[in-house]
N, C-alpha and C. Protein backbone atom coordinates (compact mmCIF):
# COMPACT_ATOMS: atom_id res chain seq x y z
N MET A 1 157.78 109.66 94.10
CA MET A 1 157.03 110.68 94.82
C MET A 1 157.82 111.97 94.87
N SER A 2 157.14 113.05 94.64
CA SER A 2 157.82 114.34 94.68
C SER A 2 157.61 115.00 96.04
N ALA A 3 158.51 115.90 96.36
CA ALA A 3 158.43 116.62 97.63
C ALA A 3 157.57 117.87 97.49
N PHE A 4 157.05 118.11 96.27
CA PHE A 4 156.23 119.29 96.04
C PHE A 4 154.88 119.15 96.74
N ARG A 5 154.50 120.16 97.48
CA ARG A 5 153.24 120.15 98.21
C ARG A 5 152.36 121.26 97.66
N LYS A 6 151.12 120.91 97.30
CA LYS A 6 150.19 121.92 96.80
C LYS A 6 149.77 122.82 97.96
N SER A 7 149.66 124.09 97.68
CA SER A 7 149.16 124.99 98.72
C SER A 7 147.67 125.18 98.51
N CYS A 8 146.98 125.44 99.58
CA CYS A 8 145.54 125.64 99.53
C CYS A 8 145.27 126.99 98.86
N LYS A 9 144.56 126.94 97.72
CA LYS A 9 144.27 128.17 96.99
C LYS A 9 143.33 129.09 97.78
N LEU A 10 142.49 128.49 98.61
CA LEU A 10 141.57 129.30 99.41
C LEU A 10 142.31 130.01 100.55
N CYS A 11 143.32 129.36 101.10
CA CYS A 11 144.14 130.01 102.13
C CYS A 11 144.96 131.15 101.51
N ASP A 12 145.46 130.91 100.29
CA ASP A 12 146.25 131.94 99.60
C ASP A 12 145.43 133.19 99.32
N ARG A 13 144.13 133.01 99.06
CA ARG A 13 143.25 134.14 98.78
C ARG A 13 142.61 134.72 100.04
N ASP A 14 142.97 134.19 101.21
CA ASP A 14 142.41 134.62 102.50
C ASP A 14 140.89 134.46 102.56
N VAL A 15 140.39 133.33 102.06
CA VAL A 15 138.96 133.05 102.12
C VAL A 15 138.66 132.53 103.52
N ASP A 16 137.76 133.24 104.19
CA ASP A 16 137.41 132.85 105.56
C ASP A 16 136.39 131.72 105.56
N ARG A 17 135.30 131.91 104.79
CA ARG A 17 134.25 130.90 104.71
C ARG A 17 133.90 130.67 103.26
N VAL A 18 133.65 129.42 102.91
CA VAL A 18 133.23 129.07 101.56
C VAL A 18 131.71 129.18 101.51
N ASP A 19 131.22 129.98 100.57
CA ASP A 19 129.78 130.25 100.48
C ASP A 19 129.14 129.32 99.46
N TYR A 20 128.00 128.75 99.79
CA TYR A 20 127.32 127.84 98.88
C TYR A 20 126.74 128.57 97.68
N LYS A 21 126.58 129.88 97.75
CA LYS A 21 126.01 130.65 96.63
C LYS A 21 127.03 130.94 95.53
N ASN A 22 128.31 130.72 95.82
CA ASN A 22 129.36 130.97 94.84
C ASN A 22 129.57 129.70 93.99
N ALA A 23 128.67 129.49 93.05
CA ALA A 23 128.68 128.26 92.25
C ALA A 23 129.89 128.16 91.34
N ASP A 24 130.40 129.30 90.88
CA ASP A 24 131.58 129.28 90.00
C ASP A 24 132.80 128.71 90.72
N LEU A 25 132.97 129.08 91.97
CA LEU A 25 134.07 128.55 92.77
C LEU A 25 133.87 127.06 93.05
N LEU A 26 132.66 126.68 93.38
CA LEU A 26 132.38 125.29 93.74
C LEU A 26 132.52 124.35 92.56
N ARG A 27 132.24 124.84 91.35
CA ARG A 27 132.36 123.98 90.15
C ARG A 27 133.78 123.50 89.92
N ARG A 28 134.77 124.26 90.40
CA ARG A 28 136.16 123.86 90.25
C ARG A 28 136.51 122.65 91.12
N TYR A 29 135.70 122.39 92.12
CA TYR A 29 136.00 121.33 93.07
C TYR A 29 135.11 120.10 92.91
N ILE A 30 134.42 120.01 91.77
CA ILE A 30 133.66 118.79 91.46
C ILE A 30 134.10 118.29 90.08
N THR A 31 133.94 116.99 89.84
CA THR A 31 134.34 116.39 88.57
C THR A 31 133.30 116.70 87.51
N ASP A 32 133.59 116.28 86.29
CA ASP A 32 132.62 116.48 85.21
C ASP A 32 131.38 115.63 85.41
N ARG A 33 131.46 114.63 86.26
CA ARG A 33 130.31 113.79 86.59
C ARG A 33 129.54 114.29 87.81
N GLY A 34 130.07 115.30 88.50
CA GLY A 34 129.37 115.87 89.65
C GLY A 34 129.87 115.39 90.99
N LYS A 35 130.93 114.59 91.02
CA LYS A 35 131.47 114.10 92.28
C LYS A 35 132.40 115.13 92.91
N ILE A 36 132.47 115.15 94.22
CA ILE A 36 133.35 116.07 94.93
C ILE A 36 134.78 115.53 94.84
N LEU A 37 135.71 116.40 94.43
CA LEU A 37 137.10 115.98 94.33
C LEU A 37 137.72 115.83 95.71
N PRO A 38 138.60 114.84 95.89
CA PRO A 38 139.24 114.65 97.20
C PRO A 38 140.32 115.70 97.46
N ARG A 39 140.73 115.75 98.69
CA ARG A 39 141.71 116.73 99.13
C ARG A 39 143.04 116.59 98.42
N ARG A 40 143.44 115.37 98.15
CA ARG A 40 144.73 115.15 97.50
C ARG A 40 144.72 115.65 96.06
N ALA A 41 143.55 115.76 95.45
CA ALA A 41 143.45 116.26 94.08
C ALA A 41 143.31 117.78 94.04
N THR A 42 142.63 118.36 95.02
CA THR A 42 142.40 119.81 95.01
C THR A 42 143.52 120.58 95.67
N GLY A 43 144.20 119.96 96.63
CA GLY A 43 145.25 120.66 97.35
C GLY A 43 144.71 121.55 98.45
N ALA A 44 143.43 121.42 98.78
CA ALA A 44 142.82 122.24 99.82
C ALA A 44 143.22 121.72 101.20
N CYS A 45 143.29 122.62 102.16
CA CYS A 45 143.57 122.20 103.53
C CYS A 45 142.31 121.55 104.10
N SER A 46 142.44 120.88 105.23
CA SER A 46 141.31 120.13 105.77
C SER A 46 140.15 121.05 106.15
N ARG A 47 140.45 122.23 106.65
CA ARG A 47 139.40 123.17 107.05
C ARG A 47 138.58 123.61 105.84
N HIS A 48 139.26 123.99 104.77
CA HIS A 48 138.56 124.44 103.58
C HIS A 48 137.90 123.29 102.83
N GLN A 49 138.50 122.11 102.86
CA GLN A 49 137.88 120.96 102.20
C GLN A 49 136.56 120.61 102.86
N HIS A 50 136.51 120.68 104.18
CA HIS A 50 135.25 120.41 104.89
C HIS A 50 134.21 121.47 104.53
N GLN A 51 134.62 122.73 104.47
CA GLN A 51 133.70 123.79 104.09
C GLN A 51 133.23 123.63 102.64
N LEU A 52 134.13 123.19 101.76
CA LEU A 52 133.76 122.95 100.37
C LEU A 52 132.71 121.85 100.25
N CYS A 53 132.92 120.76 100.97
CA CYS A 53 131.97 119.65 100.91
C CYS A 53 130.59 120.08 101.38
N THR A 54 130.55 120.82 102.48
CA THR A 54 129.28 121.29 103.02
C THR A 54 128.62 122.26 102.05
N ALA A 55 129.39 123.18 101.47
CA ALA A 55 128.84 124.16 100.54
C ALA A 55 128.34 123.49 99.26
N ILE A 56 129.07 122.49 98.76
CA ILE A 56 128.64 121.78 97.55
C ILE A 56 127.34 121.04 97.81
N LYS A 57 127.22 120.40 98.95
CA LYS A 57 126.00 119.67 99.28
C LYS A 57 124.81 120.62 99.43
N ARG A 58 125.03 121.78 100.01
CA ARG A 58 123.95 122.77 100.14
C ARG A 58 123.56 123.32 98.78
N ALA A 59 124.54 123.58 97.93
CA ALA A 59 124.26 124.11 96.59
C ALA A 59 123.51 123.07 95.75
N ARG A 60 123.81 121.81 95.93
CA ARG A 60 123.09 120.76 95.22
C ARG A 60 121.63 120.73 95.66
N PHE A 61 121.42 120.85 96.97
CA PHE A 61 120.07 120.79 97.51
C PHE A 61 119.22 121.95 96.98
N LEU A 62 119.84 123.11 96.79
CA LEU A 62 119.12 124.28 96.29
C LEU A 62 119.15 124.38 94.76
N ALA A 63 119.63 123.34 94.10
CA ALA A 63 119.69 123.24 92.64
C ALA A 63 120.61 124.28 92.01
N LEU A 64 121.63 124.71 92.71
CA LEU A 64 122.63 125.59 92.13
C LEU A 64 123.71 124.78 91.43
N LEU A 65 123.89 123.53 91.88
CA LEU A 65 124.82 122.59 91.27
C LEU A 65 124.08 121.28 91.02
N PRO A 66 124.50 120.52 90.00
CA PRO A 66 123.83 119.24 89.74
C PRO A 66 124.35 118.14 90.68
N TYR A 67 123.49 117.18 90.95
CA TYR A 67 123.94 116.00 91.69
C TYR A 67 124.82 115.14 90.79
N ILE A 68 124.35 114.92 89.55
CA ILE A 68 125.13 114.15 88.57
C ILE A 68 125.02 114.85 87.22
N GLU A 69 126.04 114.67 86.40
CA GLU A 69 126.06 115.26 85.05
C GLU A 69 125.89 114.16 84.03
N GLY A 70 125.25 114.48 82.96
CA GLY A 70 125.17 113.57 81.83
C GLY A 70 124.42 112.29 82.10
N TYR A 71 123.41 112.34 82.97
CA TYR A 71 122.65 111.13 83.28
C TYR A 71 121.72 110.77 82.13
N ARG A 72 121.78 109.53 81.69
CA ARG A 72 120.89 109.06 80.63
C ARG A 72 120.10 107.88 81.18
N GLY A 73 119.00 108.18 81.82
CA GLY A 73 118.26 107.11 82.45
C GLY A 73 116.88 106.92 82.01
């Protein structure tokens, strides 16, 4: 285990609120399959991770982001 700790990129940029309309930002926090990445993978703080999850779910509901990618059903 390393002692290196990821810093929250949203805190570094002084992002106050994560907006669901910013799909380019939200795409960085979901997998290629459309799943939300966990905090340990993104390095986001708990406050921003919660905002990210809420924004991603809202963007999915409004069809700005996909629920799943590459579905062959």
